[in-house]
C-alpha cells in the first residue's frame, strides 16, 4: 500500500499566491523523486471545535488560513529515500510564506483505500 505524508499549515491569507507558487515547485520536486500525487487544500470552511480543531492545532492567528496538504508516495521506503534529496534540491531553497514552526505533519501507512 501507499505511504502518505500529510501536513496542516497556517498560512497568512495575504500569502496565498506565494504559497501556491511554492507548492507548485515542491510538487515538481516530489514527483521527480517518486511521489504519485500531491494535494494542497486551502481551507475556507474550518469549523471551531469545542476541544480542538485545525486552527487550534497549529495556533492559527487572525488573518491566517489553514492549508491541508498531503503527498502520496508508493511506499515509505521511496519517501525516506527522497527526503535527503529534497533537502539538497536547489528548487526547495527560499523563504517559506508561512511560519514553519507551527506546521504539523506526519507520515501514514495506508491501511485502507477505496
PDB file of N, CA and C in Angstrom:
ATOM      1  N   UNK A   1       0.831  -1.197   0.000  1.00  0.00           N
ATOM      2  CA  UNK A   1       0.000   0.000   0.000  1.00  0.00           C
ATOM      3  C   UNK A   1       0.871   1.253   0.000  1.00  0.00           C
ATOM      4  N   UNK A   2       0.259   2.362  -0.290  1.00  0.00           N
ATOM      5  CA  UNK A   2       0.969   3.631  -0.374  1.00  0.00           C
ATOM      6  C   UNK A   2       1.303   4.192   0.997  1.00  0.00           C
ATOM      7  N   UNK A   3       2.126   5.239   0.980  1.00  0.00           N
ATOM      8  CA  UNK A   3       2.533   5.959   2.180  1.00  0.00           C
ATOM      9  C   UNK A   3       2.180   7.422   1.952  1.00  0.00           C
ATOM     10  N   UNK A   4       1.564   8.058   2.947  1.00  0.00           N
ATOM     11  CA  UNK A   4       1.106   9.437   2.800  1.00  0.00           C
ATOM     12  C   UNK A   4       1.809  10.322   3.829  1.00  0.00           C
ATOM     13  N   UNK A   5       2.385  11.412   3.360  1.00  0.00           N
ATOM     14  CA  UNK A   5       2.945  12.436   4.244  1.00  0.00           C
ATOM     15  C   UNK A   5       1.949  13.595   4.215  1.00  0.00           C
ATOM     16  N   UNK A   6       1.404  13.921   5.382  1.00  0.00           N
ATOM     17  CA  UNK A   6       0.392  14.965   5.453  1.00  0.00           C
ATOM     18  C   UNK A   6       0.817  16.106   6.352  1.00  0.00           C
ATOM     19  N   UNK A   7       0.255  17.285   6.100  1.00  0.00           N
ATOM     20  CA  UNK A   7       0.587  18.464   6.901  1.00  0.00           C
ATOM     21  C   UNK A   7      -0.628  19.373   7.024  1.00  0.00           C
ATOM     22  N   UNK A   8      -0.682  20.075   8.147  1.00  0.00           N
ATOM     23  CA  UNK A   8      -1.652  21.150   8.370  1.00  0.00           C
ATOM     24  C   UNK A   8      -0.815  22.393   8.635  1.00  0.00           C
ATOM     25  N   UNK A   9      -1.094  23.463   7.876  1.00  0.00           N
ATOM     26  CA  UNK A   9      -0.212  24.627   7.874  1.00  0.00           C
ATOM     27  C   UNK A   9      -1.027  25.915   7.995  1.00  0.00           C
ATOM     28  N   UNK A  10      -0.672  26.804   8.935  1.00  0.00           N
ATOM     29  CA  UNK A  10      -1.320  28.113   8.981  1.00  0.00           C
ATOM     30  C   UNK A  10      -0.595  29.058   8.015  1.00  0.00           C
ATOM     31  N   UNK A  11      -1.329  29.611   7.074  1.00  0.00           N
ATOM     32  CA  UNK A  11      -0.724  30.479   6.059  1.00  0.00           C
ATOM     33  C   UNK A  11      -1.442  31.823   6.057  1.00  0.00           C
ATOM     34  N   UNK A  12      -0.689  32.927   6.180  1.00  0.00           N
ATOM     35  CA  UNK A  12      -1.339  34.233   6.083  1.00  0.00           C
ATOM     36  C   UNK A  12      -2.119  34.348   4.769  1.00  0.00           C
ATOM     37  N   UNK A  13      -3.358  34.800   4.859  1.00  0.00           N
ATOM     38  CA  UNK A  13      -4.176  34.892   3.648  1.00  0.00           C
ATOM     39  C   UNK A  13      -3.528  35.777   2.590  1.00  0.00           C
ATOM     40  N   UNK A  14      -2.761  36.758   3.019  1.00  0.00           N
ATOM     41  CA  UNK A  14      -2.063  37.630   2.067  1.00  0.00           C
ATOM     42  C   UNK A  14      -0.979  36.880   1.296  1.00  0.00           C
ATOM     43  N   UNK A  15      -0.582  35.709   1.792  1.00  0.00           N
ATOM     44  CA  UNK A  15       0.479  34.929   1.151  1.00  0.00           C
ATOM     45  C   UNK A  15      -0.061  33.767   0.320  1.00  0.00           C
ATOM     46  N   UNK A  16      -1.344  33.791   0.006  1.00  0.00           N
ATOM     47  CA  UNK A  16      -1.933  32.662  -0.721  1.00  0.00           C
ATOM     48  C   UNK A  16      -1.209  32.389  -2.037  1.00  0.00           C
ATOM     49  N   UNK A  17      -0.961  33.394  -2.839  1.00  0.00           N
ATOM     50  CA  UNK A  17      -0.299  33.175  -4.130  1.00  0.00           C
ATOM     51  C   UNK A  17       1.145  32.726  -3.935  1.00  0.00           C
ATOM     52  N   UNK A  18       1.833  33.303  -2.968  1.00  0.00           N
ATOM     53  CA  UNK A  18       3.212  32.879  -2.691  1.00  0.00           C
ATOM     54  C   UNK A  18       3.239  31.423  -2.248  1.00  0.00           C
ATOM     55  N   UNK A  19       2.251  31.019  -1.438  1.00  0.00           N
ATOM     56  CA  UNK A  19       2.174  29.625  -1.006  1.00  0.00           C
ATOM     57  C   UNK A  19       1.930  28.725  -2.214  1.00  0.00           C
ATOM     58  N   UNK A  20       0.996  29.101  -3.060  1.00  0.00           N
ATOM     59  CA  UNK A  20       0.684  28.297  -4.244  1.00  0.00           C
ATOM     60  C   UNK A  20       1.904  28.169  -5.157  1.00  0.00           C
ATOM     61  N   UNK A  21       2.630  29.261  -5.341  1.00  0.00           N
ATOM     62  CA  UNK A  21       3.848  29.222  -6.163  1.00  0.00           C
ATOM     63  C   UNK A  21       4.863  28.244  -5.573  1.00  0.00           C
ATOM     64  N   UNK A  22       5.062  28.311  -4.246  1.00  0.00           N
ATOM     65  CA  UNK A  22       5.990  27.417  -3.566  1.00  0.00           C
ATOM     66  C   UNK A  22       5.512  25.967  -3.679  1.00  0.00           C
ATOM     67  N   UNK A  23       4.213  25.744  -3.496  1.00  0.00           N
ATOM     68  CA  UNK A  23       3.658  24.393  -3.543  1.00  0.00           C
ATOM     69  C   UNK A  23       3.833  23.760  -4.923  1.00  0.00           C
ATOM     70  N   UNK A  24       3.683  24.544  -5.965  1.00  0.00           N
ATOM     71  CA  UNK A  24       3.860  24.020  -7.325  1.00  0.00           C
ATOM     72  C   UNK A  24       5.302  23.571  -7.553  1.00  0.00           C
ATOM     73  N   UNK A  25       6.259  24.339  -7.050  1.00  0.00           N
ATOM     74  CA  UNK A  25       7.670  23.955  -7.168  1.00  0.00           C
ATOM     75  C   UNK A  25       7.944  22.696  -6.354  1.00  0.00           C
ATOM     76  N   UNK A  26       7.447  22.663  -5.114  1.00  0.00           N
ATOM     77  CA  UNK A  26       7.648  21.491  -4.257  1.00  0.00           C
ATOM     78  C   UNK A  26       7.020  20.253  -4.897  1.00  0.00           C
ATOM     79  N   UNK A  27       5.846  20.388  -5.482  1.00  0.00           N
ATOM     80  CA  UNK A  27       5.183  19.255  -6.117  1.00  0.00           C
ATOM     81  C   UNK A  27       6.033  18.695  -7.253  1.00  0.00           C
ATOM     82  N   UNK A  28       6.635  19.577  -8.009  1.00  0.00           N
ATOM     83  CA  UNK A  28       7.519  19.139  -9.095  1.00  0.00           C
ATOM     84  C   UNK A  28       8.693  18.329  -8.538  1.00  0.00           C
ATOM     85  N   UNK A  29       9.289  18.817  -7.452  1.00  0.00           N
ATOM     86  CA  UNK A  29      10.404  18.101  -6.818  1.00  0.00           C
ATOM     87  C   UNK A  29       9.920  16.746  -6.297  1.00  0.00           C
ATOM     88  N   UNK A  30       8.806  16.736  -5.565  1.00  0.00           N
ATOM     89  CA  UNK A  30       8.286  15.488  -5.002  1.00  0.00           C
ATOM     90  C   UNK A  30       8.037  14.456  -6.100  1.00  0.00           C
ATOM     91  N   UNK A  31       7.415  14.887  -7.191  1.00  0.00           N
ATOM     92  CA  UNK A  31       7.099  13.955  -8.280  1.00  0.00           C
ATOM     93  C   UNK A  31       8.370  13.484  -8.981  1.00  0.00           C
ATOM     94  N   UNK A  32       9.340  14.371  -9.120  1.00  0.00           N
ATOM     95  CA  UNK A  32      10.627  13.962  -9.704  1.00  0.00           C
ATOM     96  C   UNK A  32      11.298  12.884  -8.853  1.00  0.00           C
ATOM     97  N   UNK A  33      11.021  12.903  -7.548  1.00  0.00           N
ATOM     98  CA  UNK A  33      11.639  11.956  -6.617  1.00  0.00           C
ATOM     99  C   UNK A  33      10.764  10.731  -6.332  1.00  0.00           C
ATOM    100  N   UNK A  34       9.650  10.614  -7.047  1.00  0.00           N
ATOM    101  CA  UNK A  34       8.858   9.397  -6.944  1.00  0.00           C
ATOM    102  C   UNK A  34       7.460   9.515  -6.380  1.00  0.00           C
ATOM    103  N   UNK A  35       7.041  10.711  -5.931  1.00  0.00           N
ATOM    104  CA  UNK A  35       5.685  10.860  -5.404  1.00  0.00           C
ATOM    105  C   UNK A  35       4.660  10.552  -6.492  1.00  0.00           C
ATOM    106  N   UNK A  36       3.567   9.951  -6.082  1.00  0.00           N
ATOM    107  CA  UNK A  36       2.499   9.618  -7.015  1.00  0.00           C
ATOM    108  C   UNK A  36       1.557  10.790  -7.247  1.00  0.00           C
ATOM    109  N   UNK A  37       1.275  11.544  -6.184  1.00  0.00           N
ATOM    110  CA  UNK A  37       0.382  12.698  -6.303  1.00  0.00           C
ATOM    111  C   UNK A  37       0.607  13.654  -5.136  1.00  0.00           C
ATOM    112  N   UNK A  38       0.242  14.909  -5.389  1.00  0.00           N
ATOM    113  CA  UNK A  38       0.408  15.976  -4.398  1.00  0.00           C
ATOM    114  C   UNK A  38      -0.895  16.756  -4.350  1.00  0.00           C
ATOM    115  N   UNK A  39      -1.388  17.008  -3.130  1.00  0.00           N
ATOM    116  CA  UNK A  39      -2.637  17.739  -2.955  1.00  0.00           C
ATOM    117  C   UNK A  39      -2.411  18.926  -2.013  1.00  0.00           C
ATOM    118  N   UNK A  40      -2.999  20.051  -2.336  1.00  0.00           N
ATOM    119  CA  UNK A  40      -2.961  21.242  -1.491  1.00  0.00           C
ATOM    120  C   UNK A  40      -4.387  21.749  -1.355  1.00  0.00           C
ATOM    121  N   UNK A  41      -4.870  21.854  -0.143  1.00  0.00           N
ATOM    122  CA  UNK A  41      -6.228  22.350   0.083  1.00  0.00           C
ATOM    123  C   UNK A  41      -6.213  23.609   0.931  1.00  0.00           C
ATOM    124  N   UNK A  42      -6.836  24.672   0.436  1.00  0.00           N
ATOM    125  CA  UNK A  42      -6.943  25.963   1.137  1.00  0.00           C
ATOM    126  C   UNK A  42      -8.284  25.966   1.853  1.00  0.00           C
ATOM    127  N   UNK A  43      -8.298  26.047   3.173  1.00  0.00           N
ATOM    128  CA  UNK A  43      -9.498  25.832   3.971  1.00  0.00           C
ATOM    129  C   UNK A  43     -10.420  27.017   4.154  1.00  0.00           C
ATOM    130  N   UNK A  44     -11.485  27.101   3.360  1.00  0.00           N
ATOM    131  CA  UNK A  44     -12.462  28.167   3.584  1.00  0.00           C
ATOM    132  C   UNK A  44     -13.494  27.806   4.654  1.00  0.00           C
ATOM    133  N   UNK A  45     -13.549  26.540   5.044  1.00  0.00           N
ATOM    134  CA  UNK A  45     -14.585  26.091   5.973  1.00  0.00           C
ATOM    135  C   UNK A  45     -13.939  25.269   7.084  1.00  0.00           C
ATOM    136  N   UNK A  46     -13.364  25.940   8.060  1.00  0.00           N
ATOM    137  CA  UNK A  46     -12.692  25.293   9.189  1.00  0.00           C
ATOM    138  C   UNK A  46     -13.510  25.604  10.438  1.00  0.00           C
ATOM    139  N   UNK A  47     -14.417  24.702  10.805  1.00  0.00           N
ATOM    140  CA  UNK A  47     -15.278  24.993  11.953  1.00  0.00           C
ATOM    141  C   UNK A  47     -14.505  24.939  13.268  1.00  0.00           C
ATOM    142  N   UNK A  48     -14.892  25.794  14.212  1.00  0.00           N
ATOM    143  CA  UNK A  48     -14.252  25.740  15.531  1.00  0.00           C
ATOM    144  C   UNK A  48     -14.727  24.502  16.290  1.00  0.00           C
ATOM    145  N   UNK A  49     -13.799  23.887  17.004  1.00  0.00           N
ATOM    146  CA  UNK A  49     -14.148  22.733  17.813  1.00  0.00           C
ATOM    147  C   UNK A  49     -14.246  23.137  19.273  1.00  0.00           C
ATOM    148  N   UNK A  50     -14.950  22.349  20.049  1.00  0.00           N
ATOM    149  CA  UNK A  50     -15.071  22.644  21.477  1.00  0.00           C
ATOM    150  C   UNK A  50     -13.787  22.320  22.222  1.00  0.00           C
ATOM    151  N   UNK A  51     -13.098  21.264  21.808  1.00  0.00           N
ATOM    152  CA  UNK A  51     -11.869  20.854  22.487  1.00  0.00           C
ATOM    153  C   UNK A  51     -10.649  21.197  21.630  1.00  0.00           C
ATOM    154  N   UNK A  52     -10.676  20.783  20.366  1.00  0.00           N
ATOM    155  CA  UNK A  52      -9.573  21.094  19.461  1.00  0.00           C
ATOM    156  C   UNK A  52     -10.111  21.172  18.037  1.00  0.00           C
ATOM    157  N   UNK A  53      -9.311  21.708  17.150  1.00  0.00           N
ATOM    158  CA  UNK A  53      -9.668  21.802  15.745  1.00  0.00           C
ATOM    159  C   UNK A  53      -8.394  22.131  14.966  1.00  0.00           C
ATOM    160  N   UNK A  54      -8.514  22.255  13.648  1.00  0.00           N
ATOM    161  CA  UNK A  54      -7.338  22.535  12.828  1.00  0.00           C
ATOM    162  C   UNK A  54      -6.658  23.845  13.223  1.00  0.00           C
ATOM    163  N   UNK A  55      -7.439  24.879  13.481  1.00  0.00           N
ATOM    164  CA  UNK A  55      -6.855  26.182  13.817  1.00  0.00           C
ATOM    165  C   UNK A  55      -6.094  26.112  15.143  1.00  0.00           C
ATOM    166  N   UNK A  56      -6.693  25.466  16.138  1.00  0.00           N
ATOM    167  CA  UNK A  56      -6.029  25.345  17.439  1.00  0.00           C
ATOM    168  C   UNK A  56      -4.769  24.489  17.329  1.00  0.00           C
ATOM    169  N   UNK A  57      -4.816  23.458  16.505  1.00  0.00           N
ATOM    170  CA  UNK A  57      -3.686  22.538  16.384  1.00  0.00           C
ATOM    171  C   UNK A  57      -2.420  23.240  15.911  1.00  0.00           C
ATOM    172  N   UNK A  58      -2.578  24.280  15.091  1.00  0.00           N
ATOM    173  CA  UNK A  58      -1.407  24.991  14.552  1.00  0.00           C
ATOM    174  C   UNK A  58      -1.296  26.417  15.103  1.00  0.00           C
ATOM    175  N   UNK A  59      -2.077  26.700  16.143  1.00  0.00           N
ATOM    176  CA  UNK A  59      -2.066  28.034  16.765  1.00  0.00           C
ATOM    177  C   UNK A  59      -2.283  29.133  15.727  1.00  0.00           C
ATOM    178  N   UNK A  60      -3.256  28.908  14.841  1.00  0.00           N
ATOM    179  CA  UNK A  60      -3.540  29.882  13.786  1.00  0.00           C
ATOM    180  C   UNK A  60      -3.934  31.218  14.396  1.00  0.00           C
ATOM    181  N   UNK A  61      -3.479  32.260  13.746  1.00  0.00           N
ATOM    182  CA  UNK A  61      -3.758  33.624  14.177  1.00  0.00           C
ATOM    183  C   UNK A  61      -4.779  34.265  13.247  1.00  0.00           C
ATOM    184  N   UNK A  62      -5.361  35.387  13.670  1.00  0.00           N
ATOM    185  CA  UNK A  62      -6.271  36.124  12.796  1.00  0.00           C
ATOM    186  C   UNK A  62      -5.540  36.440  11.498  1.00  0.00           C
ATOM    187  N   UNK A  63      -6.249  36.299  10.389  1.00  0.00           N
ATOM    188  CA  UNK A  63      -5.648  36.596   9.092  1.00  0.00           C
ATOM    189  C   UNK A  63      -4.892  35.422   8.489  1.00  0.00           C
ATOM    190  N   UNK A  64      -4.991  34.248   9.123  1.00  0.00           N
ATOM    191  CA  UNK A  64      -4.336  33.060   8.569  1.00  0.00           C
ATOM    192  C   UNK A  64      -5.393  32.043   8.132  1.00  0.00           C
ATOM    193  N   UNK A  65      -5.122  31.426   6.996  1.00  0.00           N
ATOM    194  CA  UNK A  65      -5.957  30.335   6.507  1.00  0.00           C
ATOM    195  C   UNK A  65      -5.277  29.018   6.876  1.00  0.00           C
ATOM    196  N   UNK A  66      -6.037  27.946   6.838  1.00  0.00           N
ATOM    197  CA  UNK A  66      -5.482  26.625   7.100  1.00  0.00           C
ATOM    198  C   UNK A  66      -5.305  25.903   5.775  1.00  0.00           C
ATOM    199  N   UNK A  67      -4.102  25.374   5.569  1.00  0.00           N
ATOM    200  CA  UNK A  67      -3.820  24.544   4.405  1.00  0.00           C
ATOM    201  C   UNK A  67      -3.707  23.100   4.878  1.00  0.00           C
ATOM    202  N   UNK A  68      -4.385  22.224   4.173  1.00  0.00           N
ATOM    203  CA  UNK A  68      -4.300  20.790   4.413  1.00  0.00           C
ATOM    204  C   UNK A  68      -3.601  20.211   3.187  1.00  0.00           C
ATOM    205  N   UNK A  69      -2.424  19.650   3.412  1.00  0.00           N
ATOM    206  CA  UNK A  69      -1.570  19.219   2.321  1.00  0.00           C
ATOM    207  C   UNK A  69      -1.184  17.758   2.512  1.00  0.00           C
ATOM    208  N   UNK A  70      -1.150  16.997   1.420  1.00  0.00           N
ATOM    209  CA  UNK A  70      -0.659  15.632   1.534  1.00  0.00           C
ATOM    210  C   UNK A  70      -0.020  15.184   0.231  1.00  0.00           C
ATOM    211  N   UNK A  71       0.978  14.324   0.395  1.00  0.00           N
ATOM    212  CA  UNK A  71       1.717  13.770  -0.734  1.00  0.00           C
ATOM    213  C   UNK A  71       1.625  12.255  -0.633  1.00  0.00           C
ATOM    214  N   UNK A  72       1.246  11.620  -1.728  1.00  0.00           N
ATOM    215  CA  UNK A  72       1.137  10.164  -1.762  1.00  0.00           C
ATOM    216  C   UNK A  72       2.392   9.597  -2.419  1.00  0.00           C
ATOM    217  N   UNK A  73       3.013   8.683  -1.705  1.00  0.00           N
ATOM    218  CA  UNK A  73       4.237   8.006  -2.165  1.00  0.00           C
ATOM    219  C   UNK A  73       3.929   6.536  -2.393  1.00  0.00           C
ATOM    220  N   UNK A  74       4.670   5.873  -3.274  1.00  0.00           N
ATOM    221  CA  UNK A  74       4.421   4.452  -3.496  1.00  0.00           C
ATOM    222  C   UNK A  74       4.699   3.595  -2.258  1.00  0.00           C
ATOM    223  N   UNK A  75       5.626   4.060  -1.401  1.00  0.00           N
ATOM    224  CA  UNK A  75       5.972   3.320  -0.187  1.00  0.00           C
ATOM    225  C   UNK A  75       6.739   4.237   0.760  1.00  0.00           C
ATOM    226  N   UNK A  76       6.853   3.810   2.007  1.00  0.00           N
ATOM    227  CA  UNK A  76       7.643   4.560   2.982  1.00  0.00           C
ATOM    228  C   UNK A  76       9.102   4.589   2.553  1.00  0.00           C
ATOM    229  N   UNK A  77       9.569   3.508   1.982  1.00  0.00           N
ATOM    230  CA  UNK A  77      10.969   3.436   1.542  1.00  0.00           C
ATOM    231  C   UNK A  77      11.273   4.466   0.456  1.00  0.00           C
ATOM    232  N   UNK A  78      10.359   4.650  -0.478  1.00  0.00           N
ATOM    233  CA  UNK A  78      10.562   5.657  -1.533  1.00  0.00           C
ATOM    234  C   UNK A  78      10.589   7.048  -0.914  1.00  0.00           C
ATOM    235  N   UNK A  79       9.667   7.286   0.022  1.00  0.00           N
ATOM    236  CA  UNK A  79       9.640   8.578   0.709  1.00  0.00           C
ATOM    237  C   UNK A  79      10.951   8.829   1.451  1.00  0.00           C
ATOM    238  N   UNK A  80      11.403   7.845   2.241  1.00  0.00           N
ATOM    239  CA  UNK A  80      12.633   8.009   3.020  1.00  0.00           C
ATOM    240  C   UNK A  80      13.853   8.225   2.129  1.00  0.00           C
ATOM    241  N   UNK A  81      13.890   7.590   0.969  1.00  0.00           N
ATOM    242  CA  UNK A  81      14.998   7.799   0.033  1.00  0.00           C
ATOM    243  C   UNK A  81      14.943   9.199  -0.571  1.00  0.00           C
ATOM    244  N   UNK A  82      13.746   9.736  -0.725  1.00  0.00           N
ATOM    245  CA  UNK A  82      13.580  11.062  -1.325  1.00  0.00           C
ATOM    246  C   UNK A  82      13.930  12.197  -0.365  1.00  0.00           C
ATOM    247  N   UNK A  83      13.742  11.968   0.945  1.00  0.00           N
ATOM    248  CA  UNK A  83      13.931  13.048   1.933  1.00  0.00           C
ATOM    249  C   UNK A  83      15.290  13.758   1.815  1.00  0.00           C
ATOM    250  N   UNK A  84      16.422  13.068   1.836  1.00  0.00           N
ATOM    251  CA  UNK A  84      17.688  13.791   1.741  1.00  0.00           C
ATOM    252  C   UNK A  84      17.871  14.490   0.392  1.00  0.00           C
ATOM    253  N   UNK A  85      17.303  13.921  -0.646  1.00  0.00           N
ATOM    254  CA  UNK A  85      17.395  14.541  -1.967  1.00  0.00           C
ATOM    255  C   UNK A  85      16.578  15.825  -2.018  1.00  0.00           C
ATOM    256  N   UNK A  86      15.428  15.842  -1.317  1.00  0.00           N
ATOM    257  CA  UNK A  86      14.607  17.060  -1.252  1.00  0.00           C
ATOM    258  C   UNK A  86      15.386  18.184  -0.589  1.00  0.00           C
ATOM    259  N   UNK A  87      16.058  17.840   0.507  1.00  0.00           N
ATOM    260  CA  UNK A  87      16.804  18.843   1.260  1.00  0.00           C
ATOM    261  C   UNK A  87      17.943  19.436   0.437  1.00  0.00           C
ATOM    262  N   UNK A  88      18.484  18.669  -0.492  1.00  0.00           N
ATOM    263  CA  UNK A  88      19.601  19.128  -1.312  1.00  0.00           C
ATOM    264  C   UNK A  88      19.165  19.798  -2.605  1.00  0.00           C
ATOM    265  N   UNK A  89      17.906  19.659  -2.980  1.00  0.00           N
ATOM    266  CA  UNK A  89      17.430  20.189  -4.254  1.00  0.00           C
ATOM    267  C   UNK A  89      17.331  21.709  -4.186  1.00  0.00           C
ATOM    268  N   UNK A  90      18.010  22.374  -5.091  1.00  0.00           N
ATOM    269  CA  UNK A  90      18.040  23.849  -5.074  1.00  0.00           C
ATOM    270  C   UNK A  90      16.671  24.466  -5.313  1.00  0.00           C
ATOM    271  N   UNK A  91      15.762  23.718  -5.910  1.00  0.00           N
ATOM    272  CA  UNK A  91      14.405  24.245  -6.120  1.00  0.00           C
ATOM    273  C   UNK A  91      13.663  24.426  -4.799  1.00  0.00           C
ATOM    274  N   UNK A  92      14.117  23.733  -3.755  1.00  0.00           N
ATOM    275  CA  UNK A  92      13.460  23.822  -2.448  1.00  0.00           C
ATOM    276  C   UNK A  92      14.013  24.966  -1.596  1.00  0.00           C
ATOM    277  N   UNK A  93      15.019  25.668  -2.108  1.00  0.00           N
ATOM    278  CA  UNK A  93      15.599  26.791  -1.371  1.00  0.00           C
ATOM    279  C   UNK A  93      14.635  27.980  -1.404  1.00  0.00           C
ATOM    280  N   UNK A  94      14.792  28.867  -0.477  1.00  0.00           N
ATOM    281  CA  UNK A  94      13.956  30.061  -0.447  1.00  0.00           C
ATOM    282  C   UNK A  94      13.166  30.146   0.834  1.00  0.00           C
ATOM    283  N   UNK A  95      12.545  31.285   1.006  1.00  0.00           N
ATOM    284  CA  UNK A  95      11.791  31.545   2.226  1.00  0.00           C
ATOM    285  C   UNK A  95      10.380  30.973   2.109  1.00  0.00           C
ATOM    286  N   UNK A  96       9.915  30.362   3.190  1.00  0.00           N
ATOM    287  CA  UNK A  96       8.556  29.827   3.210  1.00  0.00           C
ATOM    288  C   UNK A  96       7.578  30.969   3.501  1.00  0.00           C
ATOM    289  N   UNK A  97       6.424  30.976   2.834  1.00  0.00           N
ATOM    290  CA  UNK A  97       5.437  32.036   3.058  1.00  0.00           C
ATOM    291  C   UNK A  97       4.519  31.749   4.248  1.00  0.00           C
ATOM    292  N   UNK A  98       5.045  31.061   5.262  1.00  0.00           N
ATOM    293  CA  UNK A  98       4.285  30.735   6.466  1.00  0.00           C
ATOM    294  C   UNK A  98       5.275  30.434   7.585  1.00  0.00           C
ATOM    295  N   UNK A  99       4.761  30.343   8.799  1.00  0.00           N
ATOM    296  CA  UNK A  99       5.585  30.033   9.964  1.00  0.00           C
ATOM    297  C   UNK A  99       5.705  28.519  10.098  1.00  0.00           C
ATOM    298  N   UNK A 100       6.827  27.978   9.672  1.00  0.00           N
ATOM    299  CA  UNK A 100       7.036  26.537   9.672  1.00  0.00           C
ATOM    300  C   UNK A 100       7.051  25.912  11.056  1.00  0.00           C
ATOM    301  N   UNK A 101       7.281  26.704  12.076  1.00  0.00           N
ATOM    302  CA  UNK A 101       7.302  26.162  13.434  1.00  0.00           C
ATOM    303  C   UNK A 101       5.912  25.735  13.907  1.00  0.00           C
ATOM    304  N   UNK A 102       4.874  26.283  13.285  1.00  0.00           N
ATOM    305  CA  UNK A 102       3.509  25.921  13.692  1.00  0.00           C
ATOM    306  C   UNK A 102       2.871  24.894  12.764  1.00  0.00           C
ATOM    307  N   UNK A 103       3.590  24.466  11.752  1.00  0.00           N
ATOM    308  CA  UNK A 103       3.100  23.420  10.865  1.00  0.00           C
ATOM    309  C   UNK A 103       3.150  22.089  11.617  1.00  0.00           C
ATOM    310  N   UNK A 104       2.117  21.270  11.432  1.00  0.00           N
ATOM    311  CA  UNK A 104       2.168  19.916  11.969  1.00  0.00           C
ATOM    312  C   UNK A 104       2.173  18.953  10.782  1.00  0.00           C
ATOM    313  N   UNK A 105       2.887  17.838  10.923  1.00  0.00           N
ATOM    314  CA  UNK A 105       2.977  16.895   9.812  1.00  0.00           C
ATOM    315  C   UNK A 105       3.252  15.500  10.347  1.00  0.00           C
ATOM    316  N   UNK A 106       3.050  14.539   9.496  1.00  0.00           N
ATOM    317  CA  UNK A 106       3.328  13.170   9.869  1.00  0.00           C
ATOM    318  C   UNK A 106       3.182  12.248   8.680  1.00  0.00           C
ATOM    319  N   UNK A 107       3.742  11.056   8.832  1.00  0.00           N
ATOM    320  CA  UNK A 107       3.670  10.043   7.794  1.00  0.00           C
ATOM    321  C   UNK A 107       2.687   8.954   8.185  1.00  0.00           C
ATOM    322  N   UNK A 108       1.958   8.464   7.213  1.00  0.00           N
ATOM    323  CA  UNK A 108       0.889   7.498   7.464  1.00  0.00           C
ATOM    324  C   UNK A 108       0.978   6.342   6.483  1.00  0.00           C
ATOM    325  N   UNK A 109       0.985   5.128   7.016  1.00  0.00           N
ATOM    326  CA  UNK A 109       0.897   3.948   6.184  1.00  0.00           C
ATOM    327  C   UNK A 109      -0.571   3.720   5.848  1.00  0.00           C
ATOM    328  N   UNK A 110      -0.859   3.552   4.598  1.00  0.00           N
ATOM    329  CA  UNK A 110      -2.239   3.325   4.161  1.00  0.00           C
ATOM    330  C   UNK A 110      -2.696   1.957   4.646  1.00  0.00           C
ATOM    331  N   UNK A 111      -3.832   1.917   5.328  1.00  0.00           N
ATOM    332  CA  UNK A 111      -4.378   0.634   5.776  1.00  0.00           C
ATOM    333  C   UNK A 111      -5.683   0.291   5.032  1.00  0.00           C
ATOM    334  N   UNK A 112      -6.225   1.273   4.322  1.00  0.00           N
ATOM    335  CA  UNK A 112      -7.427   1.052   3.535  1.00  0.00           C
ATOM    336  C   UNK A 112      -7.505   2.131   2.486  1.00  0.00           C
ATOM    337  N   UNK A 113      -7.901   1.749   1.283  1.00  0.00           N
ATOM    338  CA  UNK A 113      -8.079   2.703   0.188  1.00  0.00           C
ATOM    339  C   UNK A 113      -9.252   2.229  -0.643  1.00  0.00           C
ATOM    340  N   UNK A 114     -10.153   3.140  -1.003  1.00  0.00           N
ATOM    341  CA  UNK A 114     -11.322   2.756  -1.803  1.00  0.00           C
ATOM    342  C   UNK A 114     -11.406   3.620  -3.042  1.00  0.00           C
TER     343      UNK A 114
END
